[in-house]
Amino acid sequence: MGVFINSIQSVLVVVLIMLLGYVLRKTGWFADTFSKNISKLIKNIALPASIFVAVLSRLTRGKLVSFGSYLIWGVISVIVGYLIAFALVKIMKVRPGRRGVFINAIVNANTIFIGLPLNIALFGDKSMTYFLVYYIINTVSTWAFGVFLISNDDPTKAGQPKEHHKINWKQVIPMPLVGFLVALVFLLLNIPVLKVPFLSQTLSYVGSLVTPLSLIYIGIVLADAGLKSISFDRDTVVALLGRFVLAPVVMIVILTAAAHGGVSLPTMFSQTMIVQSATPMLAVLPILAAESHGDVKYATNIVTTSTVLFIIVIPILMTIVQYI
């Protein structure tokens, strides 16, 4: 019961800051361009700084091998997730324009704007190293594969030969991932940048902007989307079940199987991976759907609905996680 109450309190912190963004947007404090501005600030400056500091302060050259070994479990869960999502598309006969969005909704998560603030609220800064494992896998999965599923699901091109899309490396390797790679270089070369007080404090202060700004951003997104527009059709309900039930169950099964197979995994790593697997859907789904003439209304609905429902899901999931 204590874990349930503590997780509710942690989620309430997240919700209250989101509510602040929601109310301030509704009352006209924020201009129409504000959400795009803070999104760029978070993704291109604050999050790379946060990741850079986390890697150099929590990883050592000796721990890099174990860090790399953690990636395999996340990769397996993503592959299984795609197989399940593809099967559901076939079984349910999801219509063109929704298929790519539906698959991404089940497999890929909103790690930046909700996943990271939630992880810090639940487990503290010490969980950042394990969060990076999920973030890297989720980023590559989204931009190296997921985005092409949406692009190739353009209903206006049904029956036409599939186009071969080139990988956009600026999206596959976004600035937060660049921050991680640069930090690895500093780590391997043993450059003591964090031992310089003014550099360490500057990076830490900038990095600390991620949590509050991310949650305010989500509040603005919810205000713009409109909570009254939420609806529950068949495709929406199954996508939500896939994100909040199937994805964490797959992760739990994989991590449990690894433990029974003699693999020693830190408890916080398992908890982080399970919680991240149940975070809401990608905030960019409506944008990606619009670019490919997909069902923007459906994409907006599942993003909004999953963002609201995660408030209920996480405390329940945290109660289950403690027994794993």
Protein backbone atom coordinates (compact mmCIF):
# COMPACT_ATOMS: atom_id res chain seq x y z
CA MET A 1 0.00 0.00 0.00
CA GLY A 2 2.91 2.30 0.78
CA VAL A 3 4.31 1.93 -2.75
CA PHE A 4 0.89 2.73 -4.23
CA ILE A 5 0.56 5.90 -2.13
CA ASN A 6 4.13 6.99 -2.89
CA SER A 7 3.61 6.45 -6.63
CA ILE A 8 0.38 8.47 -6.49
CA GLN A 9 2.24 11.31 -4.82
CA SER A 10 4.98 11.16 -7.45
CA VAL A 11 2.41 11.16 -10.25
CA LEU A 12 0.59 14.07 -8.58
CA VAL A 13 3.77 16.12 -8.85
CA VAL A 14 3.80 15.38 -12.57
CA VAL A 15 0.07 16.10 -12.93
CA LEU A 16 0.15 19.41 -11.06
CA ILE A 17 2.93 20.81 -13.24
CA MET A 18 1.06 19.60 -16.34
CA LEU A 19 -2.05 21.28 -14.97
CA LEU A 20 -0.10 24.51 -14.58
CA GLY A 21 0.79 24.43 -18.28
CA TYR A 22 -2.80 23.55 -19.16
CA VAL A 23 -4.31 26.42 -17.13
CA LEU A 24 -1.77 29.02 -18.26
CA ARG A 25 -2.39 28.10 -21.90
CA LYS A 26 -6.16 28.24 -21.44
CA THR A 27 -5.95 31.65 -19.75
CA GLY A 28 -3.86 33.05 -22.59
CA TRP A 29 -0.52 33.42 -20.84
CA PHE A 30 1.29 31.43 -23.54
CA ALA A 31 1.38 32.45 -27.20
CA ASP A 32 0.64 29.94 -29.96
CA THR A 33 4.36 29.57 -30.68
CA PHE A 34 5.40 29.02 -27.05
CA SER A 35 5.01 25.23 -27.04
CA LYS A 36 7.19 24.91 -30.16
CA ASN A 37 9.81 27.17 -28.58
CA ILE A 38 10.11 25.21 -25.35
CA SER A 39 10.00 21.94 -27.30
CA LYS A 40 13.10 23.05 -29.19
CA LEU A 41 14.75 24.25 -25.98
CA ILE A 42 14.13 20.91 -24.29
CA LYS A 43 15.16 18.65 -27.16
CA ASN A 44 18.14 20.64 -28.46
CA ILE A 45 19.67 22.15 -25.32
CA ALA A 46 18.26 21.13 -21.94
CA LEU A 47 17.95 17.36 -22.49
CA PRO A 48 21.37 16.96 -24.15
CA ALA A 49 22.89 18.84 -21.19
CA SER A 50 21.01 16.65 -18.71
CA ILE A 51 22.12 13.45 -20.46
CA PHE A 52 25.71 14.67 -20.74
CA VAL A 53 25.90 15.29 -16.99
CA ALA A 54 24.15 12.01 -16.16
CA VAL A 55 26.56 9.93 -18.26
CA LEU A 56 29.71 11.55 -16.88
CA SER A 57 28.51 11.53 -13.28
CA ARG A 58 26.99 8.02 -13.19
CA LEU A 59 28.87 5.94 -15.74
CA THR A 60 32.48 4.83 -15.69
CA ARG A 61 34.52 3.11 -18.37
CA GLY A 62 34.19 -0.09 -16.36
CA LYS A 63 30.39 0.14 -16.41
CA LEU A 64 30.05 0.65 -20.17
CA VAL A 65 30.04 -3.07 -20.90
CA SER A 66 27.16 -3.70 -18.50
CA PHE A 67 25.33 -0.66 -19.92
CA GLY A 68 25.62 -2.11 -23.40
CA SER A 69 24.35 -5.49 -22.22
CA TYR A 70 21.17 -3.85 -20.87
CA LEU A 71 20.23 -2.72 -24.38
CA ILE A 72 19.50 -6.25 -25.58
CA TRP A 73 16.47 -6.63 -23.28
CA GLY A 74 14.90 -3.44 -24.54
CA VAL A 75 15.59 -4.40 -28.16
CA ILE A 76 13.88 -7.78 -27.67
CA SER A 77 10.81 -6.11 -26.16
CA VAL A 78 10.56 -3.69 -29.09
CA ILE A 79 10.80 -6.51 -31.66
CA VAL A 80 8.10 -8.50 -29.85
CA GLY A 81 5.99 -5.34 -29.62
CA TYR A 82 6.17 -4.78 -33.38
CA LEU A 83 5.20 -8.41 -34.06
CA ILE A 84 2.16 -8.10 -31.80
CA ALA A 85 1.17 -4.72 -33.29
CA PHE A 86 1.45 -6.02 -36.87
CA ALA A 87 -0.67 -9.05 -35.93
CA LEU A 88 -3.33 -6.81 -34.39
CA VAL A 89 -3.47 -4.66 -37.54
CA LYS A 90 -4.17 -7.77 -39.60
CA ILE A 91 -6.65 -9.31 -37.15
CA MET A 92 -8.61 -6.08 -36.62
CA LYS A 93 -8.29 -4.96 -40.24
CA VAL A 94 -7.21 -1.46 -39.24
CA ARG A 95 -7.87 0.85 -42.16
CA PRO A 96 -5.14 2.65 -44.16
CA GLY A 97 -4.19 5.99 -42.64
CA ARG A 98 -4.35 4.50 -39.14
CA ARG A 99 -2.09 1.47 -39.42
CA GLY A 100 1.28 3.17 -38.98
CA VAL A 101 -0.05 5.34 -36.17
CA PHE A 102 -1.63 2.30 -34.48
CA ILE A 103 1.64 0.31 -34.56
CA ASN A 104 3.69 3.25 -33.27
CA ALA A 105 1.13 3.84 -30.52
CA ILE A 106 1.69 0.34 -29.15
CA VAL A 107 5.47 0.13 -29.56
CA ASN A 108 6.98 3.61 -29.17
CA ALA A 109 6.64 5.86 -26.12
CA ASN A 110 6.82 9.54 -25.21
CA THR A 111 10.14 9.22 -23.38
CA ILE A 112 11.24 12.86 -23.51
CA PHE A 113 8.23 14.87 -22.39
CA ILE A 114 6.66 12.37 -19.98
CA GLY A 115 8.98 9.38 -19.59
CA LEU A 116 11.94 11.31 -18.16
CA PRO A 117 10.01 13.56 -15.74
CA LEU A 118 8.03 10.54 -14.56
CA ASN A 119 11.15 8.44 -14.02
CA ILE A 120 12.81 11.18 -11.99
CA ALA A 121 9.64 11.68 -9.94
CA LEU A 122 9.39 7.96 -9.18
CA PHE A 123 13.02 6.89 -8.81
CA GLY A 124 15.13 10.05 -8.60
CA ASP A 125 18.17 11.16 -10.59
CA LYS A 126 19.98 7.89 -9.86
CA SER A 127 17.70 6.16 -12.38
CA MET A 128 18.93 8.35 -15.25
CA THR A 129 21.50 5.80 -16.43
CA TYR A 130 18.81 3.14 -16.86
CA PHE A 131 16.43 5.63 -18.47
CA LEU A 132 19.07 6.25 -21.15
CA VAL A 133 18.88 2.57 -22.14
CA TYR A 134 15.18 2.85 -22.95
CA TYR A 135 15.55 6.31 -24.49
CA ILE A 136 18.19 5.15 -27.00
CA ILE A 137 16.16 2.11 -28.07
CA ASN A 138 12.92 4.09 -28.30
CA THR A 139 14.54 6.89 -30.34
CA VAL A 140 16.10 4.54 -32.89
CA SER A 141 12.90 2.47 -33.09
CA THR A 142 10.78 5.58 -33.72
CA TRP A 143 12.89 7.39 -36.28
CA ALA A 144 14.60 4.49 -38.04
CA PHE A 145 11.50 2.32 -38.45
CA GLY A 146 8.30 3.68 -36.89
CA VAL A 147 8.21 6.86 -38.98
CA PHE A 148 8.45 4.83 -42.19
CA LEU A 149 5.43 2.76 -41.19
CA ILE A 150 3.40 5.97 -41.04
CA SER A 151 4.88 7.32 -44.30
CA ASN A 152 4.08 4.08 -46.13
CA ASP A 153 0.51 4.11 -44.77
CA ASP A 154 -0.51 7.13 -46.86
CA PRO A 155 -4.12 6.35 -47.95
CA THR A 156 -3.81 8.69 -50.94
CA LYS A 157 -1.16 6.37 -52.39
CA ALA A 158 -3.05 3.10 -51.88
CA GLY A 159 -2.35 0.66 -54.70
CA GLN A 160 0.68 2.62 -55.89
CA PRO A 161 4.24 1.24 -55.68
CA LYS A 162 5.82 1.81 -52.28
CA GLU A 163 8.36 4.61 -52.19
CA HIS A 164 11.78 3.95 -50.76
CA HIS A 165 12.37 6.51 -48.04
CA LYS A 166 15.87 7.47 -47.04
CA ILE A 167 16.76 7.50 -43.39
CA ASN A 168 16.85 11.02 -41.96
CA TRP A 169 19.89 10.78 -39.72
CA LYS A 170 19.08 14.11 -38.05
CA GLN A 171 15.99 12.43 -36.60
CA VAL A 172 17.55 9.03 -35.91
CA ILE A 173 20.39 10.79 -34.08
CA PRO A 174 18.68 13.82 -32.46
CA MET A 175 20.49 16.23 -30.17
CA PRO A 176 19.77 14.29 -26.94
CA LEU A 177 21.41 11.23 -28.49
CA VAL A 178 24.28 13.43 -29.68
CA GLY A 179 24.66 14.58 -26.06
CA PHE A 180 24.96 10.94 -25.03
CA LEU A 181 27.55 10.14 -27.73
CA VAL A 182 29.62 13.24 -26.90
CA ALA A 183 29.53 12.29 -23.22
CA LEU A 184 30.83 8.81 -24.13
CA VAL A 185 33.78 10.41 -25.92
CA PHE A 186 34.56 12.54 -22.86
CA LEU A 187 34.21 9.46 -20.66
CA LEU A 188 36.48 7.26 -22.77
CA LEU A 189 39.10 10.01 -23.07
CA ASN A 190 38.80 10.71 -19.34
CA ILE A 191 38.27 14.45 -19.84
CA PRO A 192 37.25 15.81 -16.40
CA VAL A 193 34.85 18.48 -17.64
CA LEU A 194 32.54 18.12 -14.63
CA LYS A 195 35.42 18.90 -12.30
CA VAL A 196 35.38 22.46 -13.61
CA PRO A 197 32.85 24.09 -11.23
CA PHE A 198 31.35 26.72 -13.55
CA LEU A 199 30.91 24.20 -16.41
CA SER A 200 29.42 21.57 -14.12
CA GLN A 201 26.95 24.01 -12.55
CA THR A 202 25.97 25.53 -15.90
CA LEU A 203 25.24 22.13 -17.45
CA SER A 204 23.38 20.98 -14.33
CA TYR A 205 21.20 24.10 -14.19
CA VAL A 206 20.34 23.90 -17.89
CA GLY A 207 19.69 20.16 -17.62
CA SER A 208 17.35 20.67 -14.67
CA LEU A 209 15.00 22.63 -16.96
CA VAL A 210 13.91 19.39 -18.65
CA THR A 211 11.44 18.15 -16.05
CA PRO A 212 9.33 21.29 -15.42
CA LEU A 213 9.39 22.51 -19.03
CA SER A 214 8.48 19.06 -20.40
CA LEU A 215 5.43 18.83 -18.16
CA ILE A 216 4.34 22.38 -18.89
CA TYR A 217 4.67 21.53 -22.60
CA ILE A 218 2.40 18.49 -22.22
CA GLY A 219 -0.14 20.67 -20.38
CA ILE A 220 -0.13 23.09 -23.32
CA VAL A 221 -0.55 20.22 -25.79
CA LEU A 222 -3.57 18.93 -23.85
CA ALA A 223 -5.06 22.42 -23.75
CA ASP A 224 -4.65 22.82 -27.50
CA ALA A 225 -6.01 19.34 -28.26
CA GLY A 226 -9.07 19.80 -26.08
CA LEU A 227 -10.13 17.16 -23.56
CA LYS A 228 -13.72 17.24 -24.84
CA SER A 229 -12.56 15.70 -28.11
CA ILE A 230 -11.58 12.41 -26.43
CA SER A 231 -13.46 9.40 -27.79
CA PHE A 232 -13.17 5.61 -27.44
CA ASP A 233 -13.66 3.72 -30.68
CA ARG A 234 -12.39 0.17 -31.22
CA ASP A 235 -9.00 1.13 -32.66
CA THR A 236 -8.41 3.62 -29.84
CA VAL A 237 -9.27 1.13 -27.08
CA VAL A 238 -7.03 -1.60 -28.53
CA ALA A 239 -4.15 0.87 -29.02
CA LEU A 240 -4.51 1.97 -25.38
CA LEU A 241 -4.55 -1.64 -24.20
CA GLY A 242 -1.47 -2.27 -26.30
CA ARG A 243 0.40 0.68 -24.80
CA PHE A 244 -0.67 0.30 -21.18
CA VAL A 245 -1.12 -3.48 -20.88
CA LEU A 246 0.60 -5.44 -23.65
CA ALA A 247 3.83 -3.38 -23.77
CA PRO A 248 4.56 -3.58 -20.00
CA VAL A 249 3.50 -7.25 -19.89
CA VAL A 250 5.97 -8.05 -22.70
CA MET A 251 8.71 -6.19 -20.83
CA ILE A 252 7.87 -7.95 -17.55
CA VAL A 253 7.93 -11.38 -19.22
CA ILE A 254 11.28 -10.69 -20.91
CA LEU A 255 12.95 -9.36 -17.75
CA THR A 256 11.51 -12.19 -15.64
CA ALA A 257 12.75 -14.76 -18.16
CA ALA A 258 16.19 -13.14 -18.07
CA ALA A 259 16.25 -13.32 -14.27
CA HIS A 260 15.21 -16.98 -14.30
CA GLY A 261 17.91 -17.60 -16.87
CA GLY A 262 20.54 -16.48 -14.42
CA VAL A 263 20.97 -12.91 -15.68
CA SER A 264 21.43 -10.48 -12.82
CA LEU A 265 19.61 -7.21 -13.53
CA PRO A 266 19.43 -4.28 -11.07
CA THR A 267 15.98 -3.77 -9.59
CA MET A 268 15.93 -0.12 -10.63
CA PHE A 269 16.78 -1.08 -14.21
CA SER A 270 13.81 -3.47 -14.36
CA GLN A 271 11.48 -0.92 -12.77
CA THR A 272 12.62 1.83 -15.14
CA MET A 273 12.18 -0.33 -18.24
CA ILE A 274 8.70 -1.48 -17.17
CA VAL A 275 7.49 2.03 -16.30
CA GLN A 276 8.91 3.49 -19.53
CA SER A 277 7.17 0.78 -21.55
CA ALA A 278 3.83 2.05 -20.20
CA THR A 279 4.33 5.77 -20.77
CA PRO A 280 1.91 7.59 -23.13
CA MET A 281 2.15 7.65 -26.89
CA LEU A 282 4.47 9.82 -28.95
CA ALA A 283 3.44 13.47 -28.94
CA VAL A 284 4.51 13.80 -32.59
CA LEU A 285 2.07 11.16 -33.92
CA PRO A 286 -0.50 13.75 -35.14
CA ILE A 287 2.26 15.66 -36.96
CA LEU A 288 3.59 12.50 -38.62
CA ALA A 289 0.05 11.45 -39.55
CA ALA A 290 -0.65 14.85 -41.12
CA GLU A 291 2.54 14.69 -43.21
CA SER A 292 1.40 11.35 -44.66
CA HIS A 293 -2.30 12.29 -45.12
CA GLY A 294 -3.20 9.87 -42.34
CA ASP A 295 -5.99 9.98 -39.76
CA VAL A 296 -4.88 13.04 -37.78
CA LYS A 297 -8.02 13.03 -35.63
CA TYR A 298 -7.32 9.44 -34.56
CA ALA A 299 -3.66 10.21 -33.85
CA THR A 300 -4.57 13.26 -31.78
CA ASN A 301 -7.21 11.31 -29.87
CA ILE A 302 -4.93 8.44 -28.82
CA VAL A 303 -2.12 10.82 -27.80
CA THR A 304 -4.49 12.94 -25.71
CA THR A 305 -6.29 9.94 -24.20
CA SER A 306 -3.09 8.08 -23.30
CA THR A 307 -1.61 11.21 -21.73
CA VAL A 308 -4.66 11.57 -19.48
CA LEU A 309 -4.98 7.86 -18.63
CA PHE A 310 -1.35 7.36 -17.65
CA ILE A 311 -2.19 9.19 -14.42
CA ILE A 312 -4.27 6.16 -13.44
CA VAL A 313 -2.05 3.50 -14.99
CA ILE A 314 1.29 4.34 -13.34
CA PRO A 315 0.28 3.93 -9.65
CA ILE A 316 -1.28 0.56 -10.51
CA LEU A 317 1.80 -0.49 -12.46
CA MET A 318 4.16 0.61 -9.67
CA THR A 319 2.21 -1.54 -7.21
CA ILE A 320 2.64 -4.56 -9.51
CA VAL A 321 6.31 -3.82 -10.21
CA GLN A 322 7.33 -4.13 -6.54
CA TYR A 323 6.54 -7.86 -6.65
CA ILE A 324 8.78 -8.51 -9.68
